[in-house]
Amino acid sequence: MPTGKSKYCSGNVHLYLFLCLKTKPIVHTMKPNDFVSAYLPYAMETEAATGISAAAILAQAALESGWGEKAPGNMFFGVKDPDKGKTGKGQLIVTTEYLKNPQAHHLFPEVISVVWSDKYKKWKYTVRDWFRKFDTPAGSFLEHAQLFTKNQRYAQAVANGSDPEQFFREVQKAGYATAPNYADVLIAVVRTIHRNMPSEFESARGEVENFELPGEEEMWEYLPAQSEE
């Protein structure tokens, strides 16, 4: 991956989960074809359960986990643990959040630092917080997909779940993330997914220009918002 600044630095959302706190492009050791081979069976299970395209599920997982490089405890989507570890289904992970309020320490079990970000005009929190963990990728994929199927705001997205590109457009309209090019980035990712599908999915393949995922500093713009309440 090129090492220059990502072209996807725009938008405004609050949450970016990452394990390395240095600002640098994500270097991926898992290639797209390896990612598809490893996780397509789990995505197919989720498609059967929810009607959301396996390719769309894989594309979101690839974007949010950096092609599987950042999926501790099979957590591909940065899902918070509402039970805060009490049920054994959570894990404490270092994460960065960008918030408007510099006095939001009560939201997290541990605050490591709070500094002002001139770039994003928000307070940058480095914290430890509770996130879900799963026995298998299938659990992560299914719980993430159910975020859409159980939430009325995503009804139009679910109605277009079999069409990945329209699904991403509707997810963006519903406010999943506020990066203005959210759908465009996911469409580029899903076309790469399609190109690396097994031969029986040949009809879904297509040419796609080379692109790079957003870098670590920008990735938080493509993930769900953290409530400041």
C-alpha atoms as a PDB file:
ATOM      1  CA  MET A   1       0.000   0.000   0.000  1.00  0.00           C
ATOM      2  CA  PRO A   2       1.301   3.519  -0.756  1.00  0.00           C
ATOM      3  CA  THR A   3       2.490   5.421   2.281  1.00  0.00           C
ATOM      4  CA  GLY A   4       1.146   8.865   1.404  1.00  0.00           C
ATOM      5  CA  LYS A   5      -1.768  10.558   3.133  1.00  0.00           C
ATOM      6  CA  SER A   6      -5.107   8.915   2.392  1.00  0.00           C
ATOM      7  CA  LYS A   7      -7.468  10.769   0.062  1.00  0.00           C
ATOM      8  CA  TYR A   8     -10.431   9.697   2.225  1.00  0.00           C
ATOM      9  CA  CYS A   9      -9.888  12.161   5.063  1.00  0.00           C
ATOM     10  CA  SER A  10     -13.257  13.926   5.236  1.00  0.00           C
ATOM     11  CA  GLY A  11     -16.509  13.707   7.162  1.00  0.00           C
ATOM     12  CA  ASN A  12     -17.292  13.705  10.855  1.00  0.00           C
ATOM     13  CA  VAL A  13     -18.087  10.725  13.106  1.00  0.00           C
ATOM     14  CA  HIS A  14     -16.999   9.855  16.618  1.00  0.00           C
ATOM     15  CA  LEU A  15     -15.617   6.331  16.811  1.00  0.00           C
ATOM     16  CA  TYR A  16     -12.479   4.700  15.510  1.00  0.00           C
ATOM     17  CA  LEU A  17     -11.306   1.464  17.028  1.00  0.00           C
ATOM     18  CA  PHE A  18      -7.676   0.640  16.545  1.00  0.00           C
ATOM     19  CA  LEU A  19      -4.955  -1.157  18.438  1.00  0.00           C
ATOM     20  CA  CYS A  20      -1.911   0.803  17.227  1.00  0.00           C
ATOM     21  CA  LEU A  21      -2.024   4.419  18.321  1.00  0.00           C
ATOM     22  CA  LYS A  22       0.457   5.772  15.787  1.00  0.00           C
ATOM     23  CA  THR A  23      -0.918   7.644  12.781  1.00  0.00           C
ATOM     24  CA  LYS A  24       0.170   5.687   9.736  1.00  0.00           C
ATOM     25  CA  PRO A  25      -1.337   3.842   6.788  1.00  0.00           C
ATOM     26  CA  ILE A  26      -2.585   0.361   7.570  1.00  0.00           C
ATOM     27  CA  VAL A  27      -0.192  -2.260   6.209  1.00  0.00           C
ATOM     28  CA  HIS A  28      -2.086  -5.421   5.328  1.00  0.00           C
ATOM     29  CA  THR A  29      -0.555  -8.883   5.323  1.00  0.00           C
ATOM     30  CA  MET A  30      -3.833 -10.613   4.391  1.00  0.00           C
ATOM     31  CA  LYS A  31      -4.653 -10.175   0.707  1.00  0.00           C
ATOM     32  CA  PRO A  32      -8.235  -9.724  -0.536  1.00  0.00           C
ATOM     33  CA  ASN A  33      -8.348 -13.233  -2.029  1.00  0.00           C
ATOM     34  CA  ASP A  34      -7.187 -14.707   1.295  1.00  0.00           C
ATOM     35  CA  PHE A  35      -9.772 -12.635   3.172  1.00  0.00           C
ATOM     36  CA  VAL A  36     -12.585 -13.814   0.890  1.00  0.00           C
ATOM     37  CA  SER A  37     -11.475 -17.447   1.115  1.00  0.00           C
ATOM     38  CA  ALA A  38     -11.294 -17.308   4.905  1.00  0.00           C
ATOM     39  CA  TYR A  39     -14.538 -15.476   5.664  1.00  0.00           C
ATOM     40  CA  LEU A  40     -16.965 -16.078   2.780  1.00  0.00           C
ATOM     41  CA  PRO A  41     -18.534 -19.150   4.467  1.00  0.00           C
ATOM     42  CA  TYR A  42     -19.425 -17.061   7.543  1.00  0.00           C
ATOM     43  CA  ALA A  43     -20.818 -14.257   5.383  1.00  0.00           C
ATOM     44  CA  MET A  44     -22.924 -16.784   3.470  1.00  0.00           C
ATOM     45  CA  GLU A  45     -24.416 -17.986   6.766  1.00  0.00           C
ATOM     46  CA  THR A  46     -25.339 -14.399   7.618  1.00  0.00           C
ATOM     47  CA  GLU A  47     -26.834 -13.811   4.164  1.00  0.00           C
ATOM     48  CA  ALA A  48     -29.051 -16.863   4.633  1.00  0.00           C
ATOM     49  CA  ALA A  49     -30.221 -15.556   8.015  1.00  0.00           C
ATOM     50  CA  THR A  50     -30.758 -11.892   7.106  1.00  0.00           C
ATOM     51  CA  GLY A  51     -31.007 -11.545   3.317  1.00  0.00           C
ATOM     52  CA  ILE A  52     -28.088  -9.103   3.259  1.00  0.00           C
ATOM     53  CA  SER A  53     -25.588  -9.937   0.512  1.00  0.00           C
ATOM     54  CA  ALA A  54     -22.559 -11.926   1.645  1.00  0.00           C
ATOM     55  CA  ALA A  55     -20.412  -9.655  -0.532  1.00  0.00           C
ATOM     56  CA  ALA A  56     -21.769  -6.570   1.263  1.00  0.00           C
ATOM     57  CA  ILE A  57     -21.090  -8.155   4.661  1.00  0.00           C
ATOM     58  CA  LEU A  58     -17.538  -9.029   3.623  1.00  0.00           C
ATOM     59  CA  ALA A  59     -16.934  -5.530   2.272  1.00  0.00           C
ATOM     60  CA  GLN A  60     -17.932  -3.859   5.538  1.00  0.00           C
ATOM     61  CA  ALA A  61     -15.873  -6.383   7.498  1.00  0.00           C
ATOM     62  CA  ALA A  62     -12.862  -5.736   5.242  1.00  0.00           C
ATOM     63  CA  LEU A  63     -13.133  -1.958   5.641  1.00  0.00           C
ATOM     64  CA  GLU A  64     -13.721  -1.907   9.393  1.00  0.00           C
ATOM     65  CA  SER A  65     -11.094  -4.551  10.231  1.00  0.00           C
ATOM     66  CA  GLY A  66      -8.467  -3.608   7.603  1.00  0.00           C
ATOM     67  CA  TRP A  67      -8.851  -6.871   5.650  1.00  0.00           C
ATOM     68  CA  GLY A  68      -9.034  -8.831   8.903  1.00  0.00           C
ATOM     69  CA  GLU A  69      -5.864  -7.382  10.439  1.00  0.00           C
ATOM     70  CA  LYS A  70      -7.736  -5.765  13.342  1.00  0.00           C
ATOM     71  CA  ALA A  71     -10.317  -8.264  14.546  1.00  0.00           C
ATOM     72  CA  PRO A  72      -9.398  -9.165  18.148  1.00  0.00           C
ATOM     73  CA  GLY A  73     -11.742 -11.798  19.552  1.00  0.00           C
ATOM     74  CA  ASN A  74     -13.331 -12.174  16.082  1.00  0.00           C
ATOM     75  CA  MET A  75     -14.672  -8.623  16.412  1.00  0.00           C
ATOM     76  CA  PHE A  76     -14.716  -7.257  12.878  1.00  0.00           C
ATOM     77  CA  PHE A  77     -17.019  -4.269  13.399  1.00  0.00           C
ATOM     78  CA  GLY A  78     -16.065  -2.500  16.627  1.00  0.00           C
ATOM     79  CA  VAL A  79     -19.283  -3.495  18.434  1.00  0.00           C
ATOM     80  CA  LYS A  80     -19.420  -2.176  22.004  1.00  0.00           C
ATOM     81  CA  ASP A  81     -20.277  -4.610  24.822  1.00  0.00           C
ATOM     82  CA  PRO A  82     -23.369  -3.192  26.578  1.00  0.00           C
ATOM     83  CA  ASP A  83     -22.812  -5.546  29.529  1.00  0.00           C
ATOM     84  CA  LYS A  84     -19.278  -4.210  30.064  1.00  0.00           C
ATOM     85  CA  GLY A  85     -17.689  -7.637  30.439  1.00  0.00           C
ATOM     86  CA  LYS A  86     -20.135  -8.944  33.057  1.00  0.00           C
ATOM     87  CA  THR A  87     -21.359 -11.827  30.863  1.00  0.00           C
ATOM     88  CA  GLY A  88     -17.916 -12.902  29.655  1.00  0.00           C
ATOM     89  CA  LYS A  89     -18.704 -11.715  26.144  1.00  0.00           C
ATOM     90  CA  GLY A  90     -16.575  -8.566  26.328  1.00  0.00           C
ATOM     91  CA  GLN A  91     -12.947  -7.520  26.054  1.00  0.00           C
ATOM     92  CA  LEU A  92     -11.165  -4.330  27.090  1.00  0.00           C
ATOM     93  CA  ILE A  93      -9.422  -2.731  24.118  1.00  0.00           C
ATOM     94  CA  VAL A  94      -7.517   0.511  23.656  1.00  0.00           C
ATOM     95  CA  THR A  95      -9.491   2.728  21.331  1.00  0.00           C
ATOM     96  CA  THR A  96      -9.599   6.327  20.151  1.00  0.00           C
ATOM     97  CA  GLU A  97     -12.758   8.411  20.157  1.00  0.00           C
ATOM     98  CA  TYR A  98     -13.305  11.976  18.925  1.00  0.00           C
ATOM     99  CA  LEU A  99     -15.881  13.874  21.010  1.00  0.00           C
ATOM    100  CA  LYS A 100     -17.102  17.453  21.321  1.00  0.00           C
ATOM    101  CA  ASN A 101     -17.042  17.385  25.131  1.00  0.00           C
ATOM    102  CA  PRO A 102     -13.685  17.394  26.997  1.00  0.00           C
ATOM    103  CA  GLN A 103     -15.473  16.246  30.183  1.00  0.00           C
ATOM    104  CA  ALA A 104     -16.864  12.905  28.977  1.00  0.00           C
ATOM    105  CA  HIS A 105     -14.652  10.692  31.128  1.00  0.00           C
ATOM    106  CA  HIS A 106     -17.730   8.988  32.621  1.00  0.00           C
ATOM    107  CA  LEU A 107     -18.390   7.244  29.317  1.00  0.00           C
ATOM    108  CA  PHE A 108     -15.364   4.968  29.611  1.00  0.00           C
ATOM    109  CA  PRO A 109     -13.934   2.552  32.201  1.00  0.00           C
ATOM    110  CA  GLU A 110     -10.485   4.107  31.787  1.00  0.00           C
ATOM    111  CA  VAL A 111      -9.340   7.333  30.109  1.00  0.00           C
ATOM    112  CA  ILE A 112      -5.682   7.334  29.128  1.00  0.00           C
ATOM    113  CA  SER A 113      -5.486  10.838  27.651  1.00  0.00           C
ATOM    114  CA  VAL A 114      -7.594  13.692  26.251  1.00  0.00           C
ATOM    115  CA  VAL A 115      -6.060  16.153  23.780  1.00  0.00           C
ATOM    116  CA  TRP A 116      -7.489  18.678  21.351  1.00  0.00           C
ATOM    117  CA  SER A 117      -7.344  17.773  17.654  1.00  0.00           C
ATOM    118  CA  ASP A 118      -6.868  20.811  15.409  1.00  0.00           C
ATOM    119  CA  LYS A 119      -7.447  18.585  12.402  1.00  0.00           C
ATOM    120  CA  TYR A 120     -10.906  17.364  13.431  1.00  0.00           C
ATOM    121  CA  LYS A 121     -11.869  20.207  15.791  1.00  0.00           C
ATOM    122  CA  LYS A 122     -12.806  17.719  18.493  1.00  0.00           C
ATOM    123  CA  TRP A 123     -11.286  16.255  21.637  1.00  0.00           C
ATOM    124  CA  LYS A 124      -9.287  13.115  20.979  1.00  0.00           C
ATOM    125  CA  TYR A 125      -9.808  10.540  23.727  1.00  0.00           C
ATOM    126  CA  THR A 126      -7.470   7.590  24.109  1.00  0.00           C
ATOM    127  CA  VAL A 127      -9.325   5.127  26.325  1.00  0.00           C
ATOM    128  CA  ARG A 128      -9.858   1.511  27.234  1.00  0.00           C
ATOM    129  CA  ASP A 129     -13.424   0.438  26.578  1.00  0.00           C
ATOM    130  CA  TRP A 130     -15.504  -2.723  26.464  1.00  0.00           C
ATOM    131  CA  PHE A 131     -16.090  -4.343  23.082  1.00  0.00           C
ATOM    132  CA  ARG A 132     -17.798  -7.586  22.161  1.00  0.00           C
ATOM    133  CA  LYS A 133     -15.881 -10.751  21.461  1.00  0.00           C
ATOM    134  CA  PHE A 134     -17.149 -13.758  19.558  1.00  0.00           C
ATOM    135  CA  ASP A 135     -16.347 -17.458  19.390  1.00  0.00           C
ATOM    136  CA  THR A 136     -16.281 -17.336  15.574  1.00  0.00           C
ATOM    137  CA  PRO A 137     -16.439 -14.720  12.801  1.00  0.00           C
ATOM    138  CA  ALA A 138     -20.004 -15.937  12.137  1.00  0.00           C
ATOM    139  CA  GLY A 139     -21.168 -14.455  15.446  1.00  0.00           C
ATOM    140  CA  SER A 140     -19.618 -11.091  14.636  1.00  0.00           C
ATOM    141  CA  PHE A 141     -21.069 -11.010  11.116  1.00  0.00           C
ATOM    142  CA  LEU A 142     -24.561 -11.973  12.275  1.00  0.00           C
ATOM    143  CA  GLU A 143     -24.717  -9.511  15.174  1.00  0.00           C
ATOM    144  CA  HIS A 144     -23.554  -6.697  12.891  1.00  0.00           C
ATOM    145  CA  ALA A 145     -26.126  -7.580  10.231  1.00  0.00           C
ATOM    146  CA  GLN A 146     -28.849  -7.616  12.888  1.00  0.00           C
ATOM    147  CA  LEU A 147     -27.955  -4.000  13.657  1.00  0.00           C
ATOM    148  CA  PHE A 148     -29.580  -3.273  10.294  1.00  0.00           C
ATOM    149  CA  THR A 149     -32.449  -5.787  10.352  1.00  0.00           C
ATOM    150  CA  LYS A 150     -33.610  -4.808  13.857  1.00  0.00           C
ATOM    151  CA  ASN A 151     -33.311  -1.038  13.424  1.00  0.00           C
ATOM    152  CA  GLN A 152     -36.092   0.722  11.507  1.00  0.00           C
ATOM    153  CA  ARG A 153     -33.788   3.495  10.325  1.00  0.00           C
ATOM    154  CA  TYR A 154     -32.090   0.914   8.073  1.00  0.00           C
ATOM    155  CA  ALA A 155     -35.316  -0.550   6.641  1.00  0.00           C
ATOM    156  CA  GLN A 156     -34.625   0.784   3.155  1.00  0.00           C
ATOM    157  CA  ALA A 157     -31.074  -0.572   3.270  1.00  0.00           C
ATOM    158  CA  VAL A 158     -32.316  -4.039   4.268  1.00  0.00           C
ATOM    159  CA  ALA A 159     -34.910  -3.887   1.477  1.00  0.00           C
ATOM    160  CA  ASN A 160     -31.957  -3.515  -0.906  1.00  0.00           C
ATOM    161  CA  GLY A 161     -29.783  -6.034   0.925  1.00  0.00           C
ATOM    162  CA  SER A 162     -29.324  -8.264  -2.116  1.00  0.00           C
ATOM    163  CA  ASP A 163     -27.768  -5.375  -4.075  1.00  0.00           C
ATOM    164  CA  PRO A 164     -24.523  -4.423  -2.274  1.00  0.00           C
ATOM    165  CA  GLU A 165     -24.006  -1.085  -4.003  1.00  0.00           C
ATOM    166  CA  GLN A 166     -27.556   0.159  -3.340  1.00  0.00           C
ATOM    167  CA  PHE A 167     -27.358  -1.283   0.177  1.00  0.00           C
ATOM    168  CA  PHE A 168     -24.331   0.892   0.920  1.00  0.00           C
ATOM    169  CA  ARG A 169     -26.015   3.982  -0.511  1.00  0.00           C
ATOM    170  CA  GLU A 170     -29.022   3.425   1.742  1.00  0.00           C
ATOM    171  CA  VAL A 171     -26.829   2.710   4.774  1.00  0.00           C
ATOM    172  CA  GLN A 172     -25.087   6.043   4.176  1.00  0.00           C
ATOM    173  CA  LYS A 173     -28.423   7.857   3.813  1.00  0.00           C
ATOM    174  CA  ALA A 174     -29.532   6.353   7.137  1.00  0.00           C
ATOM    175  CA  GLY A 175     -26.507   7.909   8.871  1.00  0.00           C
ATOM    176  CA  TYR A 176     -24.421   4.842   9.728  1.00  0.00           C
ATOM    177  CA  ALA A 177     -21.289   6.966   9.212  1.00  0.00           C
ATOM    178  CA  THR A 178     -20.962  10.571   8.113  1.00  0.00           C
ATOM    179  CA  ALA A 179     -17.932  10.329   5.821  1.00  0.00           C
ATOM    180  CA  PRO A 180     -19.379  11.859   2.631  1.00  0.00           C
ATOM    181  CA  ASN A 181     -17.784   9.183   0.429  1.00  0.00           C
ATOM    182  CA  TYR A 182     -18.763   6.254   2.662  1.00  0.00           C
ATOM    183  CA  ALA A 183     -20.814   4.471  -0.016  1.00  0.00           C
ATOM    184  CA  ASP A 184     -18.203   5.089  -2.715  1.00  0.00           C
ATOM    185  CA  VAL A 185     -15.465   3.526  -0.588  1.00  0.00           C
ATOM    186  CA  LEU A 186     -17.598   0.464   0.219  1.00  0.00           C
ATOM    187  CA  ILE A 187     -18.564   0.078  -3.437  1.00  0.00           C
ATOM    188  CA  ALA A 188     -14.878   0.012  -4.360  1.00  0.00           C
ATOM    189  CA  VAL A 189     -14.255  -2.586  -1.639  1.00  0.00           C
ATOM    190  CA  VAL A 190     -17.184  -4.789  -2.695  1.00  0.00           C
ATOM    191  CA  ARG A 191     -15.993  -4.771  -6.294  1.00  0.00           C
ATOM    192  CA  THR A 192     -12.656  -6.067  -5.069  1.00  0.00           C
ATOM    193  CA  ILE A 193     -14.551  -8.694  -3.055  1.00  0.00           C
ATOM    194  CA  HIS A 194     -16.421  -9.724  -6.200  1.00  0.00           C
ATOM    195  CA  ARG A 195     -13.209 -10.058  -8.185  1.00  0.00           C
ATOM    196  CA  ASN A 196     -11.919 -12.484  -5.571  1.00  0.00           C
ATOM    197  CA  MET A 197     -15.044 -14.603  -5.260  1.00  0.00           C
ATOM    198  CA  PRO A 198     -14.852 -18.309  -6.172  1.00  0.00           C
ATOM    199  CA  SER A 199     -15.593 -19.282  -9.782  1.00  0.00           C
ATOM    200  CA  GLU A 200     -19.286 -19.967  -9.112  1.00  0.00           C
ATOM    201  CA  PHE A 201     -19.682 -16.227  -8.471  1.00  0.00           C
ATOM    202  CA  GLU A 202     -18.029 -15.313 -11.761  1.00  0.00           C
ATOM    203  CA  SER A 203     -21.042 -13.319 -12.963  1.00  0.00           C
ATOM    204  CA  ALA A 204     -20.599 -10.949 -10.043  1.00  0.00           C
ATOM    205  CA  ARG A 205     -17.042 -10.054 -10.959  1.00  0.00           C
ATOM    206  CA  GLY A 206     -16.041  -6.799 -12.577  1.00  0.00           C
ATOM    207  CA  GLU A 207     -13.075  -4.557 -13.194  1.00  0.00           C
ATOM    208  CA  VAL A 208     -12.186  -2.009 -10.513  1.00  0.00           C
ATOM    209  CA  GLU A 209      -9.554   0.672 -10.358  1.00  0.00           C
ATOM    210  CA  ASN A 210      -6.792   0.306  -7.810  1.00  0.00           C
ATOM    211  CA  PHE A 211      -7.616   2.042  -4.523  1.00  0.00           C
ATOM    212  CA  GLU A 212      -6.456   2.045  -0.937  1.00  0.00           C
ATOM    213  CA  LEU A 213      -8.492   1.775   2.229  1.00  0.00           C
ATOM    214  CA  PRO A 214      -8.592   4.863   4.434  1.00  0.00           C
ATOM    215  CA  GLY A 215      -5.565   5.103   6.722  1.00  0.00           C
ATOM    216  CA  GLU A 216      -5.725   4.528  10.462  1.00  0.00           C
ATOM    217  CA  GLU A 217      -6.275   8.171  11.373  1.00  0.00           C
ATOM    218  CA  GLU A 218      -9.152   8.509   8.898  1.00  0.00           C
ATOM    219  CA  MET A 219     -10.858   5.160   9.564  1.00  0.00           C
ATOM    220  CA  TRP A 220     -12.918   6.451  12.498  1.00  0.00           C
ATOM    221  CA  GLU A 221     -14.926   8.488   9.973  1.00  0.00           C
ATOM    222  CA  TYR A 222     -16.332   5.289   8.474  1.00  0.00           C
ATOM    223  CA  LEU A 223     -17.588   3.670  11.701  1.00  0.00           C
ATOM    224  CA  PRO A 224     -20.738   4.195  13.813  1.00  0.00           C
ATOM    225  CA  ALA A 225     -20.981   7.256  16.038  1.00  0.00           C
ATOM    226  CA  GLN A 226     -20.291   7.178  19.789  1.00  0.00           C
ATOM    227  CA  SER A 227     -23.074   8.745  21.829  1.00  0.00           C
ATOM    228  CA  GLU A 228     -21.889  11.573  24.097  1.00  0.00           C
ATOM    229  CA  GLU A 229     -24.737  11.094  26.587  1.00  0.00           C
END
